Structures are given as C-alpha cells and as structure tokens.
Amino acid sequence: MTQEFRHKRFDKGHIIPESFLEEFRTKTPSTRRYLLNSLTLFACISPEQQHQALNDLIQSELVSLAEKTQNYLQDRIHTVFKYFGVDETGESKRIAEYYYRYYLLTGTVPENLTTDYLTHLLNFIIGIEVIKIIFRMSFIEQQRFFEIQGRYAIQVMIFYRYIKPIREKLIHEKLIARDVSGSFYYTKIDLSEDKILDYIFEVFKLEKIETLGELAKNLQFDREYIYKPPHADDRDVPVF
C-alpha cells in the first residue's frame, strides 16, 4: 500500500464532499465503523426505502428540536392564539409538525437553534394559524375582519395579499359557488385541518406566511363584530 493511499479518493464523481470526509476522519474508530455499516446497509435498500429512511431520520431530528423549544414557542404564541380565539388543545403536539412543514419549505434542518431561526419559525406558526382563521370565515366575515383594521394600508394588505387569494382558491375549488342572489357571500366552508393546510401551501409562499405572522400582534380582531349574524349591520355591503 503506497503512502499516497490515505490521500486518494475513490469516489471519482466526488459524491462525498471533502468536508464530510475530513469530519469523518476526526471521529472515533467505533463511530466510523458505525457510520460505515449504516452507509453499507443504506446502499443495499431500494431508492424508495432510502427516501423513507432519510425522511424518518429528518422527522426524528425535527421532533427532537421541537421538544427542545416547546416552552419557548408555546410561551410566545399563547398570547396571540388567545387573542384570535385559537383553540390551543393539542397545539403542543403540532409543534413538531410545524417544524416539518417549515423544513419542507426551506429544505434545511438548523444546526443551531438561533434566535433568528426561532423568530422565523414563530412567525410561520402564527401566520399559518391566522390564515386558517381567514379560510374558515364566510366572505362577509372576511370583509368585517379587514375593515376593522385601523390603517388603510393594513386593510389593503390584508385584503389583496391574503383574503382575495383565499377567495379565488375557494371559488376555483368550487367550495363557494357564485349565484345571482349573493347568498354565497355568507357561506361557510367545511374543510378538514389537513385540507386547509394543503390549500395554504398551494396559495401562499413562505414569505407571505411569515409576514402575516409578524403582523398578527398588531391586527384588530373583534370576534363579536366579525362573527355576528349576516345582515346585522348596514355596512355589510359585499366587496369583491
């Protein structure tokens, strides 16, 4: 065996990054053998099984991150959730799912849980919950919601960046049908949690979700006014 062997790379396609090999060489012999055995087993299974194995490992890591930041996130979203009347039953169990959804959109698992990362994740969580609330509103309730915002600029943002795309999606999916009498304007949709989430990620990019989450603490939300019966106010003139 020549002296150059230890410096020679056999993966001519350079599949394994040099940085990984350098890190690999710093591990203890037992850790290196464990990694080698794991990679050997991984190479023997089908592509579908490889994909599932990677997904399982990623989810396991995200569950671990969720457990570490559970109290941090819960403490900060509690006030906002309570203000919007979000039922927090089971929310703690969904923190890991939020992490996973955030991973699917960003493609990264954080090496360190920085304040910046957690701030983005927090805005992401709150943004999703507020969008879910808007999805479940009738069109007249959506109108009341954006009309009570104090500043015209906020009203415009809420309507054109969030309410209008939601309405278009509901009409496109034929969940709300237009009619001459306008009764569709007071119709409430009945969708499962998973379906609403699917629609949210179809309609909104990550940036818009986070922006709404950051804005949420400054929004006006009067449940008694927003959810009062149809035609209970002369101001209830449909806006399309």
Protein backbone atom coordinates (compact mmCIF):
# COMPACT_ATOMS: atom_id res chain seq x y z
CA MET A 1 0.00 0.00 0.00
CA THR A 2 1.54 3.29 -1.08
CA GLN A 3 1.90 6.32 1.13
CA GLU A 4 -0.47 8.17 -1.18
CA PHE A 5 -3.35 5.80 -0.41
CA ARG A 6 -4.64 7.83 2.54
CA HIS A 7 -4.89 10.91 0.32
CA LYS A 8 -6.51 9.20 -2.65
CA ARG A 9 -10.22 9.45 -3.27
CA PHE A 10 -12.05 6.55 -4.87
CA ASP A 11 -15.37 8.34 -5.48
CA LYS A 12 -14.28 9.78 -8.80
CA GLY A 13 -17.59 11.59 -9.11
CA HIS A 14 -16.82 13.39 -5.84
CA ILE A 15 -20.20 12.37 -4.45
CA ILE A 16 -19.00 12.64 -0.87
CA PRO A 17 -17.88 16.21 -0.05
CA GLU A 18 -14.31 16.62 1.17
CA SER A 19 -15.64 18.41 4.24
CA PHE A 20 -17.61 15.27 5.16
CA LEU A 21 -14.51 13.08 4.78
CA GLU A 22 -12.48 15.45 6.93
CA GLU A 23 -15.16 15.37 9.63
CA PHE A 24 -15.43 11.58 9.28
CA ARG A 25 -11.70 11.14 9.97
CA THR A 26 -11.99 13.04 13.25
CA LYS A 27 -14.49 10.52 14.68
CA THR A 28 -13.53 7.69 17.00
CA PRO A 29 -12.93 4.26 15.41
CA SER A 30 -16.21 2.90 16.82
CA THR A 31 -18.17 5.86 15.40
CA ARG A 32 -16.50 5.50 11.99
CA ARG A 33 -17.36 1.78 11.88
CA TYR A 34 -20.96 2.54 12.88
CA LEU A 35 -21.25 5.10 10.07
CA LEU A 36 -19.67 2.74 7.54
CA ASN A 37 -22.02 -0.10 8.48
CA SER A 38 -25.02 2.25 8.30
CA LEU A 39 -23.99 3.52 4.86
CA THR A 40 -23.46 -0.05 3.65
CA LEU A 41 -26.94 -1.07 4.77
CA PHE A 42 -28.37 2.11 3.24
CA ALA A 43 -26.76 1.30 -0.11
CA CYS A 44 -28.38 -2.15 -0.14
CA ILE A 45 -32.00 -0.99 0.06
CA SER A 46 -34.22 0.31 -2.74
CA PRO A 47 -34.43 4.03 -3.63
CA GLU A 48 -37.95 4.14 -2.15
CA GLN A 49 -36.70 2.68 1.13
CA GLN A 50 -33.73 5.07 1.11
CA HIS A 51 -36.12 8.00 0.73
CA GLN A 52 -38.29 6.75 3.58
CA ALA A 53 -35.28 6.15 5.81
CA LEU A 54 -34.00 9.69 5.23
CA ASN A 55 -37.45 11.09 5.86
CA ASP A 56 -37.71 9.14 9.13
CA LEU A 57 -34.31 10.46 10.26
CA ILE A 58 -35.26 14.04 9.39
CA GLN A 59 -38.56 13.76 11.23
CA SER A 60 -36.79 12.28 14.26
CA GLU A 61 -34.38 15.24 14.32
CA LEU A 62 -37.24 17.72 13.96
CA VAL A 63 -39.15 16.09 16.82
CA SER A 64 -36.04 16.50 18.95
CA LEU A 65 -35.80 20.20 18.02
CA ALA A 66 -39.49 20.65 18.78
CA GLU A 67 -39.07 19.17 22.24
CA LYS A 68 -36.13 21.47 22.98
CA THR A 69 -38.05 24.62 22.01
CA GLN A 70 -41.53 23.58 23.17
CA ASN A 71 -41.76 26.00 26.09
CA TYR A 72 -40.08 28.84 24.19
CA LEU A 73 -42.57 28.68 21.34
CA GLN A 74 -45.64 27.97 23.46
CA ASP A 75 -44.99 30.95 25.72
CA ARG A 76 -44.73 33.30 22.75
CA ILE A 77 -47.67 32.09 20.70
CA HIS A 78 -50.07 31.73 23.63
CA THR A 79 -50.99 35.41 23.78
CA VAL A 80 -51.55 35.69 20.03
CA PHE A 81 -53.57 32.46 19.87
CA LYS A 82 -55.74 33.56 22.76
CA TYR A 83 -56.37 36.95 21.13
CA PHE A 84 -57.58 35.29 17.93
CA GLY A 85 -59.55 32.66 19.80
CA VAL A 86 -57.45 29.75 18.55
CA ASP A 87 -58.17 26.52 20.42
CA GLU A 88 -54.80 25.51 21.84
CA THR A 89 -55.88 21.97 22.64
CA GLY A 90 -53.27 19.75 21.03
CA GLU A 91 -51.16 22.66 19.82
CA SER A 92 -48.17 21.36 21.75
CA LYS A 93 -48.30 18.14 19.75
CA ARG A 94 -48.29 20.13 16.49
CA ILE A 95 -45.03 21.97 17.13
CA ALA A 96 -43.10 19.10 15.53
CA GLU A 97 -45.42 19.23 12.53
CA TYR A 98 -44.77 22.96 12.15
CA TYR A 99 -41.04 22.21 12.15
CA TYR A 100 -41.58 19.61 9.42
CA ARG A 101 -43.71 21.93 7.30
CA TYR A 102 -41.10 24.65 7.70
CA TYR A 103 -38.38 22.18 6.66
CA LEU A 104 -40.36 21.23 3.53
CA LEU A 105 -40.49 24.89 2.50
CA THR A 106 -36.89 25.80 3.39
CA GLY A 107 -35.13 22.48 2.82
CA THR A 108 -32.91 22.95 5.87
CA VAL A 109 -32.60 21.49 9.35
CA PRO A 110 -30.91 24.03 11.64
CA GLU A 111 -27.58 23.02 13.14
CA ASN A 112 -28.09 25.58 15.90
CA LEU A 113 -31.39 26.89 17.23
CA THR A 114 -30.63 30.57 16.89
CA THR A 115 -32.95 33.38 17.93
CA ASP A 116 -33.26 34.39 14.28
CA TYR A 117 -34.36 30.89 13.22
CA LEU A 118 -36.89 30.64 16.06
CA THR A 119 -38.29 34.08 15.22
CA HIS A 120 -38.91 33.00 11.63
CA LEU A 121 -40.47 29.75 12.84
CA LEU A 122 -42.65 31.61 15.33
CA ASN A 123 -43.94 33.98 12.64
CA PHE A 124 -44.52 30.96 10.39
CA ILE A 125 -46.65 29.22 13.03
CA ILE A 126 -48.73 32.30 13.85
CA GLY A 127 -49.10 33.16 10.16
CA ILE A 128 -50.50 29.71 9.39
CA GLU A 129 -53.00 29.93 12.25
CA VAL A 130 -54.28 33.36 11.18
CA ILE A 131 -54.62 32.21 7.56
CA LYS A 132 -56.57 29.16 8.78
CA ILE A 133 -58.94 31.52 10.59
CA ILE A 134 -59.48 33.54 7.40
CA PHE A 135 -60.08 30.36 5.37
CA ARG A 136 -62.86 29.34 7.76
CA MET A 137 -64.61 32.72 7.62
CA SER A 138 -67.50 33.44 5.31
CA PHE A 139 -66.81 36.20 2.80
CA ILE A 140 -68.77 38.73 4.86
CA GLU A 141 -66.75 37.80 7.96
CA GLN A 142 -63.55 38.27 5.99
CA GLN A 143 -64.81 41.70 4.94
CA ARG A 144 -65.56 42.70 8.53
CA PHE A 145 -62.11 41.48 9.55
CA PHE A 146 -60.17 43.66 7.10
CA GLU A 147 -62.47 46.65 7.54
CA ILE A 148 -61.81 46.95 11.29
CA GLN A 149 -58.06 47.30 10.80
CA GLY A 150 -57.05 50.78 11.87
CA ARG A 151 -54.86 51.82 8.94
CA TYR A 152 -55.93 51.84 5.31
CA ALA A 153 -52.57 50.39 4.27
CA ILE A 154 -53.14 47.38 6.55
CA GLN A 155 -56.69 46.95 5.19
CA VAL A 156 -55.35 46.88 1.63
CA MET A 157 -52.60 44.42 2.53
CA ILE A 158 -54.95 42.05 4.35
CA PHE A 159 -57.49 42.09 1.53
CA TYR A 160 -55.27 41.86 -1.55
CA ARG A 161 -52.43 39.73 -0.17
CA TYR A 162 -54.49 37.28 1.89
CA ILE A 163 -58.29 37.45 1.61
CA LYS A 164 -58.52 37.83 -2.17
CA PRO A 165 -56.22 34.83 -2.92
CA ILE A 166 -58.20 32.73 -0.42
CA ARG A 167 -61.50 33.67 -2.05
CA GLU A 168 -60.13 32.88 -5.50
CA LYS A 169 -58.93 29.47 -4.28
CA LEU A 170 -62.29 28.62 -2.70
CA ILE A 171 -64.15 29.63 -5.87
CA HIS A 172 -61.67 27.73 -8.07
CA GLU A 173 -62.14 24.58 -5.98
CA LYS A 174 -65.92 25.07 -6.26
CA LEU A 175 -66.26 25.21 -2.49
CA ILE A 176 -68.03 28.55 -2.88
CA ALA A 177 -70.42 28.92 -5.79
CA ARG A 178 -71.35 32.32 -7.19
CA ASP A 179 -75.07 32.99 -7.54
CA VAL A 180 -77.30 35.91 -8.51
CA SER A 181 -78.73 36.41 -5.03
CA GLY A 182 -75.28 36.65 -3.46
CA SER A 183 -76.01 34.00 -0.82
CA PHE A 184 -72.56 32.51 -1.43
CA TYR A 185 -71.22 35.55 0.37
CA TYR A 186 -72.49 34.17 3.66
CA THR A 187 -71.50 30.54 3.11
CA LYS A 188 -69.01 28.89 5.47
CA ILE A 189 -66.78 26.12 4.18
CA ASP A 190 -66.37 22.77 5.92
CA LEU A 191 -62.82 21.56 5.38
CA SER A 192 -60.54 19.27 7.35
CA GLU A 193 -57.42 20.64 9.01
CA ASP A 194 -55.15 18.82 6.55
CA LYS A 195 -57.05 20.12 3.51
CA ILE A 196 -56.86 23.70 4.71
CA LEU A 197 -53.10 23.31 5.24
CA ASP A 198 -52.75 21.89 1.73
CA TYR A 199 -54.57 24.92 0.32
CA ILE A 200 -52.48 27.32 2.38
CA PHE A 201 -49.21 25.98 0.97
CA GLU A 202 -50.64 25.97 -2.54
CA VAL A 203 -51.71 29.61 -2.31
CA PHE A 204 -49.07 31.27 -0.13
CA LYS A 205 -45.30 31.36 -0.26
CA LEU A 206 -43.25 31.22 2.91
CA GLU A 207 -42.54 34.96 2.90
CA LYS A 208 -46.23 35.89 2.92
CA ILE A 209 -46.99 33.44 5.74
CA GLU A 210 -44.17 34.84 7.89
CA THR A 211 -45.15 38.44 7.12
CA LEU A 212 -48.69 37.84 8.38
CA GLY A 213 -47.33 36.11 11.48
CA GLU A 214 -45.16 39.12 12.27
CA LEU A 215 -48.08 41.49 11.64
CA ALA A 216 -50.61 39.46 13.66
CA LYS A 217 -49.88 41.02 17.05
CA ASN A 218 -50.85 44.44 15.63
CA LEU A 219 -54.09 43.35 13.95
CA GLN A 220 -57.55 44.17 15.27
CA PHE A 221 -59.76 41.16 15.95
CA ASP A 222 -63.25 41.72 17.35
CA ARG A 223 -64.93 38.32 17.50
CA GLU A 224 -68.35 39.70 18.46
CA TYR A 225 -68.39 42.02 15.45
CA ILE A 226 -66.77 39.68 12.91
CA TYR A 227 -68.95 36.67 13.65
CA LYS A 228 -72.31 38.38 14.17
CA PRO A 229 -75.22 37.10 12.03
CA PRO A 230 -75.46 38.14 8.36
CA HIS A 231 -77.26 41.40 7.54
CA ALA A 232 -76.87 42.57 11.15
CA ASP A 233 -75.13 45.74 10.00
CA ASP A 234 -75.91 48.22 7.22
CA ARG A 235 -72.20 48.27 6.41
CA ASP A 236 -72.34 44.67 5.19
CA VAL A 237 -72.01 45.54 1.52
CA PRO A 238 -70.12 42.84 -0.37
CA VAL A 239 -66.68 43.71 -1.67
CA PHE A 240 -65.29 41.53 -4.46
